[in-house]
Protein backbone atom coordinates (compact mmCIF):
# COMPACT_ATOMS: atom_id res chain seq x y z
CA HIS A 1 -58.00 103.84 -5.00
CA LEU A 2 -58.81 102.29 -1.65
CA GLU A 3 -60.28 98.83 -2.21
CA SER A 4 -60.77 97.56 1.33
CA ILE A 5 -59.72 97.83 4.96
CA GLN A 6 -59.16 94.75 7.07
CA MET A 7 -59.01 94.70 10.87
CA ASN A 8 -56.85 91.75 11.89
CA THR A 9 -57.56 91.98 15.60
CA ILE A 10 -61.09 92.45 16.93
CA PRO A 11 -61.20 94.13 20.36
CA ASN A 12 -63.52 93.00 23.18
CA PHE A 13 -65.61 95.79 24.67
CA LYS A 14 -68.09 93.73 26.66
CA ILE A 15 -67.75 91.12 29.38
CA LEU A 16 -68.87 88.48 26.87
CA GLY A 17 -66.68 90.00 24.16
CA GLY A 18 -67.62 91.75 20.99
CA CYS A 19 -67.32 94.90 18.98
CA GLY A 20 -69.33 96.97 16.49
CA PRO A 21 -66.51 98.45 14.39
CA TRP A 22 -66.89 101.14 11.75
CA PHE A 23 -64.67 103.89 10.40
CA ALA A 24 -64.62 107.36 8.85
CA ILE A 25 -62.13 108.49 6.20
CA TYR A 26 -60.96 112.10 6.11
CA GLN A 27 -59.11 113.69 3.20
CA GLN A 28 -57.51 117.06 4.02
CA GLU A 29 -59.66 117.06 7.21
CA LYS A 30 -62.96 116.67 5.30
CA LYS A 31 -65.00 113.52 5.85
CA ILE A 32 -65.28 111.75 2.49
CA TYR A 33 -66.53 108.29 3.49
CA PHE A 34 -67.88 106.33 6.43
CA SER A 35 -68.73 102.67 6.74
CA GLN A 36 -71.71 101.10 8.43
CA PRO A 37 -71.06 99.41 11.78
CA ILE A 38 -70.65 95.65 11.64
CA MET A 39 -72.58 94.56 14.70
CA GLY A 40 -72.16 91.35 16.68
CA ILE A 41 -68.48 90.77 15.90
CA LYS A 42 -66.94 88.59 18.60
CA GLY A 43 -63.38 89.08 19.82
CA ASN A 44 -62.39 85.56 18.84
CA LYS A 45 -63.04 86.29 15.15
CA GLU A 46 -59.74 86.49 13.26
CA HIS A 47 -60.54 89.53 11.12
CA VAL A 48 -63.23 91.65 9.51
CA THR A 49 -62.96 93.24 6.05
CA PHE A 50 -64.71 96.43 4.99
CA ASP A 51 -65.30 97.07 1.29
CA CYS A 52 -64.33 100.65 0.37
CA HIS A 53 -65.71 100.45 -3.19
CA ASN A 54 -62.43 101.59 -4.82
CA LEU A 55 -62.73 105.00 -3.17
CA LEU A 56 -60.53 107.57 -4.90
CA ILE A 57 -58.25 109.14 -2.30
CA SER A 58 -55.35 111.58 -2.56
CA GLY A 59 -53.19 113.73 -0.32
CA ASP A 60 -53.34 113.54 3.46
CA ILE A 61 -55.64 110.76 4.67
CA ARG A 62 -56.81 110.01 8.23
CA ILE A 63 -58.91 106.98 9.11
CA ASP A 64 -60.67 106.91 12.49
CA PHE A 65 -62.09 103.63 13.81
CA TYR A 66 -65.01 103.62 16.23
CA HIS A 67 -66.95 101.14 18.32
CA ARG A 68 -70.69 101.71 17.65
CA SER A 69 -70.88 105.45 18.34
CA LEU A 70 -68.76 108.53 17.66
CA SER A 71 -67.98 108.79 21.37
CA LYS A 72 -66.11 105.45 21.41
CA LYS A 73 -63.06 106.03 19.22
CA MET A 74 -60.79 102.98 19.15
CA PHE A 75 -57.83 104.26 17.12
CA SER A 76 -56.83 106.25 14.07
CA PHE A 77 -53.98 106.35 11.59
CA CYS A 78 -52.75 108.76 8.92
CA PHE A 79 -50.80 108.47 5.69
CA TYR A 80 -49.93 110.50 2.61
CA THR A 81 -51.01 108.85 -0.63
CA SER A 82 -48.01 110.02 -2.70
CA SER A 83 -45.75 107.87 -0.56
CA ILE A 84 -47.63 104.70 -1.61
CA LYS A 85 -46.61 103.33 -5.00
CA ASN A 86 -48.25 99.86 -5.09
CA LYS A 87 -50.76 97.87 -3.07
CA VAL A 88 -49.85 98.11 0.56
CA SER A 89 -50.97 96.75 3.90
CA LEU A 90 -50.95 99.28 6.71
CA LYS A 91 -50.71 97.52 10.05
CA LYS A 92 -51.92 98.95 13.31
């Protein structure tokens, strides 16, 4: 189960700073979950945590992070759930 995702560095996309992060989770290339954007996050904020509601995931997982719209992809990462035995922090 995926409990939460925490971004430890908030990027600045405006002159005054800020970001509207959100993400989509894909399992075997099918979108299974997406978060709502958190608007008004400033770059000097230490972190932001998204609740994933104990989402049941298995197999190949890809998580894409966006800034406000689908056209502004920030980064993505992939992992295979069988390789994770206990709670883990994936760092980007």
